[in-house]
Amino acid sequence: MALVKLSKRESNLILITLGVGVFYLFYQFILLPKLDEIGSLAAKTVKLRLDVKVMETKIKILAAVEKRYGELPEEVKPTVAPTEAKALEVLRSLSETTSQSALKLIAIKPLVDEKTATMKFELVCAGDFQQLYKFLEILHNLPVLILVDSLNVTGNKEAGGALDIKMSLTAHY
């Protein structure tokens, strides 16, 4: 089979086309993923540096308070009742769950019953259906059993279709 004879111009054009093709493949499959990875690592670095600065500031504030007032003796330190500690843990869990699900937390009202091991809470927040679903999904996976007793969802036309969400929750230990 005879080789095709190409002019100098055609052979240069083929070499340039192959070079552009190889560069495109290199750029598309090697360079772009690495640039995306570098960008995400840079964003994580900025966030971690900000967290470190916040922690350093908190440490300085705590050191200044400790220097000024000294450490409280053991007998003077306030003690928290077990039910109050559990209520605080549930409040913290509910607050973190609303943050993770991107719901806008408006109010949490604890209703602690001393007679039983259950604690009731009223939660008022705003968001959309996806955020509410994510909240309920995260709530299901918490180590503390938190049941939804009642759920009242109303539409808010003024807030661009956002939902006003009111729910009664019961936490069991």
C-alpha atoms as a PDB file:
ATOM      1  CA  MET A   1       0.000   0.000   0.000  1.00  0.00           C
ATOM      2  CA  ALA A   2       1.418   3.315  -1.056  1.00  0.00           C
ATOM      3  CA  LEU A   3       1.884   6.082   1.483  1.00  0.00           C
ATOM      4  CA  VAL A   4      -0.033   9.243   0.872  1.00  0.00           C
ATOM      5  CA  LYS A   5       2.236  12.090  -0.082  1.00  0.00           C
ATOM      6  CA  LEU A   6       1.486  15.228   1.867  1.00  0.00           C
ATOM      7  CA  SER A   7       2.705  18.682   1.155  1.00  0.00           C
ATOM      8  CA  LYS A   8       4.715  20.573   3.745  1.00  0.00           C
ATOM      9  CA  ARG A   9       1.661  22.707   4.605  1.00  0.00           C
ATOM     10  CA  GLU A  10      -0.595  19.654   5.117  1.00  0.00           C
ATOM     11  CA  SER A  11       1.943  17.889   7.332  1.00  0.00           C
ATOM     12  CA  ASN A  12       2.342  21.056   9.456  1.00  0.00           C
ATOM     13  CA  LEU A  13      -1.437  21.337   9.726  1.00  0.00           C
ATOM     14  CA  ILE A  14      -1.727  17.705  10.894  1.00  0.00           C
ATOM     15  CA  LEU A  15       1.041  18.228  13.488  1.00  0.00           C
ATOM     16  CA  ILE A  16      -0.640  21.369  14.815  1.00  0.00           C
ATOM     17  CA  THR A  17      -4.022  19.587  14.988  1.00  0.00           C
ATOM     18  CA  LEU A  18      -2.482  16.632  16.844  1.00  0.00           C
ATOM     19  CA  GLY A  19      -0.696  19.024  19.222  1.00  0.00           C
ATOM     20  CA  VAL A  20      -3.933  20.902  19.983  1.00  0.00           C
ATOM     21  CA  GLY A  21      -5.752  17.580  20.477  1.00  0.00           C
ATOM     22  CA  VAL A  22      -3.107  16.279  22.887  1.00  0.00           C
ATOM     23  CA  PHE A  23      -3.123  19.581  24.806  1.00  0.00           C
ATOM     24  CA  TYR A  24      -6.946  19.513  24.997  1.00  0.00           C
ATOM     25  CA  LEU A  25      -6.928  15.964  26.379  1.00  0.00           C
ATOM     26  CA  PHE A  26      -4.190  16.873  28.881  1.00  0.00           C
ATOM     27  CA  TYR A  27      -6.070  20.005  29.943  1.00  0.00           C
ATOM     28  CA  GLN A  28      -9.460  18.310  30.177  1.00  0.00           C
ATOM     29  CA  PHE A  29      -8.515  15.089  31.972  1.00  0.00           C
ATOM     30  CA  ILE A  30      -5.403  15.953  33.969  1.00  0.00           C
ATOM     31  CA  LEU A  31      -5.108  19.680  34.555  1.00  0.00           C
ATOM     32  CA  LEU A  32      -8.740  20.650  35.303  1.00  0.00           C
ATOM     33  CA  PRO A  33      -9.305  17.983  38.010  1.00  0.00           C
ATOM     34  CA  LYS A  34      -6.069  19.001  39.705  1.00  0.00           C
ATOM     35  CA  LEU A  35      -7.045  22.694  39.576  1.00  0.00           C
ATOM     36  CA  ASP A  36     -10.436  21.865  41.123  1.00  0.00           C
ATOM     37  CA  GLU A  37      -8.716  19.869  43.856  1.00  0.00           C
ATOM     38  CA  ILE A  38      -6.321  22.740  44.559  1.00  0.00           C
ATOM     39  CA  GLY A  39      -9.256  25.165  44.779  1.00  0.00           C
ATOM     40  CA  SER A  40     -11.149  22.975  47.253  1.00  0.00           C
ATOM     41  CA  LEU A  41      -8.021  22.489  49.368  1.00  0.00           C
ATOM     42  CA  ALA A  42      -7.440  26.237  49.387  1.00  0.00           C
ATOM     43  CA  ALA A  43     -11.013  26.815  50.576  1.00  0.00           C
ATOM     44  CA  LYS A  44     -10.578  24.201  53.327  1.00  0.00           C
ATOM     45  CA  THR A  45      -7.311  25.833  54.353  1.00  0.00           C
ATOM     46  CA  VAL A  46      -8.954  29.243  54.649  1.00  0.00           C
ATOM     47  CA  LYS A  47     -11.771  27.766  56.759  1.00  0.00           C
ATOM     48  CA  LEU A  48      -9.359  25.899  59.027  1.00  0.00           C
ATOM     49  CA  ARG A  49      -7.186  28.989  59.494  1.00  0.00           C
ATOM     50  CA  LEU A  50     -10.274  30.979  60.458  1.00  0.00           C
ATOM     51  CA  ASP A  51     -11.252  28.248  62.929  1.00  0.00           C
ATOM     52  CA  VAL A  52      -7.751  28.327  64.426  1.00  0.00           C
ATOM     53  CA  LYS A  53      -7.911  32.113  64.831  1.00  0.00           C
ATOM     54  CA  VAL A  54     -11.307  31.839  66.543  1.00  0.00           C
ATOM     55  CA  MET A  55      -9.979  29.135  68.876  1.00  0.00           C
ATOM     56  CA  GLU A  56      -6.878  31.185  69.703  1.00  0.00           C
ATOM     57  CA  THR A  57      -9.065  34.182  70.503  1.00  0.00           C
ATOM     58  CA  LYS A  58     -11.264  32.056  72.776  1.00  0.00           C
ATOM     59  CA  ILE A  59      -8.184  30.712  74.540  1.00  0.00           C
ATOM     60  CA  LYS A  60      -6.896  34.252  75.108  1.00  0.00           C
ATOM     61  CA  ILE A  61     -10.261  35.346  76.497  1.00  0.00           C
ATOM     62  CA  LEU A  62     -10.441  32.324  78.807  1.00  0.00           C
ATOM     63  CA  ALA A  63      -6.866  32.927  79.973  1.00  0.00           C
ATOM     64  CA  ALA A  64      -7.702  36.559  80.728  1.00  0.00           C
ATOM     65  CA  VAL A  65     -10.829  35.567  82.677  1.00  0.00           C
ATOM     66  CA  GLU A  66      -8.912  32.909  84.593  1.00  0.00           C
ATOM     67  CA  LYS A  67      -6.112  35.372  85.350  1.00  0.00           C
ATOM     68  CA  ARG A  68      -8.569  37.983  86.548  1.00  0.00           C
ATOM     69  CA  TYR A  69     -10.862  35.775  88.628  1.00  0.00           C
ATOM     70  CA  GLY A  70      -8.777  32.686  89.222  1.00  0.00           C
ATOM     71  CA  GLU A  71     -10.150  29.191  89.109  1.00  0.00           C
ATOM     72  CA  LEU A  72     -13.272  28.411  91.113  1.00  0.00           C
ATOM     73  CA  PRO A  73     -12.824  25.865  93.903  1.00  0.00           C
ATOM     74  CA  GLU A  74     -14.594  22.523  93.386  1.00  0.00           C
ATOM     75  CA  GLU A  75     -17.189  23.132  96.109  1.00  0.00           C
ATOM     76  CA  VAL A  76     -18.196  26.472  94.570  1.00  0.00           C
ATOM     77  CA  LYS A  77     -18.548  25.218  90.987  1.00  0.00           C
ATOM     78  CA  PRO A  78     -22.201  24.956  90.041  1.00  0.00           C
ATOM     79  CA  THR A  79     -23.645  21.513  89.593  1.00  0.00           C
ATOM     80  CA  VAL A  80     -26.193  20.711  86.944  1.00  0.00           C
ATOM     81  CA  ALA A  81     -29.034  18.307  87.673  1.00  0.00           C
ATOM     82  CA  PRO A  82     -29.072  15.206  85.456  1.00  0.00           C
ATOM     83  CA  THR A  83     -32.393  16.160  83.839  1.00  0.00           C
ATOM     84  CA  GLU A  84     -31.082  19.634  83.074  1.00  0.00           C
ATOM     85  CA  ALA A  85     -27.911  18.169  81.586  1.00  0.00           C
ATOM     86  CA  LYS A  86     -29.990  15.868  79.396  1.00  0.00           C
ATOM     87  CA  ALA A  87     -32.206  18.781  78.370  1.00  0.00           C
ATOM     88  CA  LEU A  88     -29.134  20.808  77.440  1.00  0.00           C
ATOM     89  CA  GLU A  89     -27.800  17.888  75.393  1.00  0.00           C
ATOM     90  CA  VAL A  90     -31.100  17.572  73.516  1.00  0.00           C
ATOM     91  CA  LEU A  91     -31.212  21.352  72.944  1.00  0.00           C
ATOM     92  CA  ARG A  92     -27.689  21.229  71.543  1.00  0.00           C
ATOM     93  CA  SER A  93     -28.618  18.289  69.303  1.00  0.00           C
ATOM     94  CA  LEU A  94     -31.720  20.079  68.015  1.00  0.00           C
ATOM     95  CA  SER A  95     -29.755  23.249  67.349  1.00  0.00           C
ATOM     96  CA  GLU A  96     -27.049  21.361  65.446  1.00  0.00           C
ATOM     97  CA  THR A  97     -29.664  19.424  63.484  1.00  0.00           C
ATOM     98  CA  THR A  98     -31.410  22.612  62.356  1.00  0.00           C
ATOM     99  CA  SER A  99     -28.041  24.073  61.349  1.00  0.00           C
ATOM    100  CA  GLN A 100     -27.067  20.983  59.364  1.00  0.00           C
ATOM    101  CA  SER A 101     -30.409  20.885  57.565  1.00  0.00           C
ATOM    102  CA  ALA A 102     -30.209  24.645  56.776  1.00  0.00           C
ATOM    103  CA  LEU A 103     -33.521  25.386  58.501  1.00  0.00           C
ATOM    104  CA  LYS A 104     -33.771  28.865  60.007  1.00  0.00           C
ATOM    105  CA  LEU A 105     -34.199  28.293  63.739  1.00  0.00           C
ATOM    106  CA  ILE A 106     -36.579  30.791  65.304  1.00  0.00           C
ATOM    107  CA  ALA A 107     -37.207  29.330  68.775  1.00  0.00           C
ATOM    108  CA  ILE A 108     -36.778  26.225  70.918  1.00  0.00           C
ATOM    109  CA  LYS A 109     -38.823  25.970  74.093  1.00  0.00           C
ATOM    110  CA  PRO A 110     -38.025  23.109  76.500  1.00  0.00           C
ATOM    111  CA  LEU A 111     -40.818  21.696  78.639  1.00  0.00           C
ATOM    112  CA  VAL A 112     -39.087  19.427  81.187  1.00  0.00           C
ATOM    113  CA  ASP A 113     -41.347  17.016  83.087  1.00  0.00           C
ATOM    114  CA  GLU A 114     -39.769  15.980  86.397  1.00  0.00           C
ATOM    115  CA  LYS A 115     -42.003  12.894  86.807  1.00  0.00           C
ATOM    116  CA  THR A 116     -40.997  10.986  83.682  1.00  0.00           C
ATOM    117  CA  ALA A 117     -37.782  10.471  81.762  1.00  0.00           C
ATOM    118  CA  THR A 118     -39.231  12.284  78.777  1.00  0.00           C
ATOM    119  CA  MET A 119     -38.682  15.876  77.854  1.00  0.00           C
ATOM    120  CA  LYS A 120     -40.916  17.843  75.533  1.00  0.00           C
ATOM    121  CA  PHE A 121     -39.772  20.652  73.274  1.00  0.00           C
ATOM    122  CA  GLU A 122     -41.520  23.124  71.038  1.00  0.00           C
ATOM    123  CA  LEU A 123     -39.515  23.996  67.944  1.00  0.00           C
ATOM    124  CA  VAL A 124     -40.298  26.904  65.614  1.00  0.00           C
ATOM    125  CA  CYS A 125     -38.326  27.295  62.399  1.00  0.00           C
ATOM    126  CA  ALA A 126     -38.608  28.280  58.737  1.00  0.00           C
ATOM    127  CA  GLY A 127     -37.393  26.665  55.538  1.00  0.00           C
ATOM    128  CA  ASP A 128     -38.520  24.596  52.580  1.00  0.00           C
ATOM    129  CA  PHE A 129     -39.628  20.979  52.152  1.00  0.00           C
ATOM    130  CA  GLN A 130     -36.137  19.707  51.310  1.00  0.00           C
ATOM    131  CA  GLN A 131     -34.692  21.277  54.457  1.00  0.00           C
ATOM    132  CA  LEU A 132     -37.542  19.856  56.571  1.00  0.00           C
ATOM    133  CA  TYR A 133     -36.951  16.396  55.097  1.00  0.00           C
ATOM    134  CA  LYS A 134     -33.207  16.641  55.794  1.00  0.00           C
ATOM    135  CA  PHE A 135     -33.969  17.789  59.371  1.00  0.00           C
ATOM    136  CA  LEU A 136     -36.204  14.761  59.961  1.00  0.00           C
ATOM    137  CA  GLU A 137     -33.613  12.463  58.402  1.00  0.00           C
ATOM    138  CA  ILE A 138     -30.837  13.796  60.676  1.00  0.00           C
ATOM    139  CA  LEU A 139     -33.198  13.668  63.675  1.00  0.00           C
ATOM    140  CA  HIS A 140     -33.779   9.985  62.973  1.00  0.00           C
ATOM    141  CA  ASN A 141     -30.036   9.246  63.140  1.00  0.00           C
ATOM    142  CA  LEU A 142     -29.377  11.017  66.465  1.00  0.00           C
ATOM    143  CA  PRO A 143     -28.235   8.870  69.422  1.00  0.00           C
ATOM    144  CA  VAL A 144     -31.135  10.240  71.504  1.00  0.00           C
ATOM    145  CA  LEU A 145     -34.624   9.103  70.538  1.00  0.00           C
ATOM    146  CA  ILE A 146     -36.521  12.266  69.602  1.00  0.00           C
ATOM    147  CA  LEU A 147     -40.064  11.770  68.362  1.00  0.00           C
ATOM    148  CA  VAL A 148     -42.185  14.313  66.525  1.00  0.00           C
ATOM    149  CA  ASP A 149     -45.523  14.567  68.364  1.00  0.00           C
ATOM    150  CA  SER A 150     -47.081  17.168  66.103  1.00  0.00           C
ATOM    151  CA  LEU A 151     -45.977  18.985  62.992  1.00  0.00           C
ATOM    152  CA  ASN A 152     -47.668  22.145  61.749  1.00  0.00           C
ATOM    153  CA  VAL A 153     -46.440  23.430  58.388  1.00  0.00           C
ATOM    154  CA  THR A 154     -47.884  26.593  56.852  1.00  0.00           C
ATOM    155  CA  GLY A 155     -46.878  28.474  53.730  1.00  0.00           C
ATOM    156  CA  ASN A 156     -45.554  32.007  53.965  1.00  0.00           C
ATOM    157  CA  LYS A 157     -46.341  33.975  50.798  1.00  0.00           C
ATOM    158  CA  GLU A 158     -44.362  37.011  51.986  1.00  0.00           C
ATOM    159  CA  ALA A 159     -41.148  34.985  52.360  1.00  0.00           C
ATOM    160  CA  GLY A 160     -41.173  33.770  48.762  1.00  0.00           C
ATOM    161  CA  GLY A 161     -42.695  30.343  49.318  1.00  0.00           C
ATOM    162  CA  ALA A 162     -40.839  29.521  52.527  1.00  0.00           C
ATOM    163  CA  LEU A 163     -42.594  27.409  55.134  1.00  0.00           C
ATOM    164  CA  ASP A 164     -43.339  28.276  58.748  1.00  0.00           C
ATOM    165  CA  ILE A 165     -42.737  25.072  60.705  1.00  0.00           C
ATOM    166  CA  LYS A 166     -43.925  24.446  64.262  1.00  0.00           C
ATOM    167  CA  MET A 167     -43.420  21.075  65.894  1.00  0.00           C
ATOM    168  CA  SER A 168     -43.723  19.408  69.251  1.00  0.00           C
ATOM    169  CA  LEU A 169     -40.938  16.968  70.029  1.00  0.00           C
ATOM    170  CA  THR A 170     -40.463  14.409  72.783  1.00  0.00           C
ATOM    171  CA  ALA A 171     -37.015  13.168  73.789  1.00  0.00           C
ATOM    172  CA  HIS A 172     -36.681   9.752  75.455  1.00  0.00           C
ATOM    173  CA  TYR A 173     -33.653   8.384  77.301  1.00  0.00           C
END
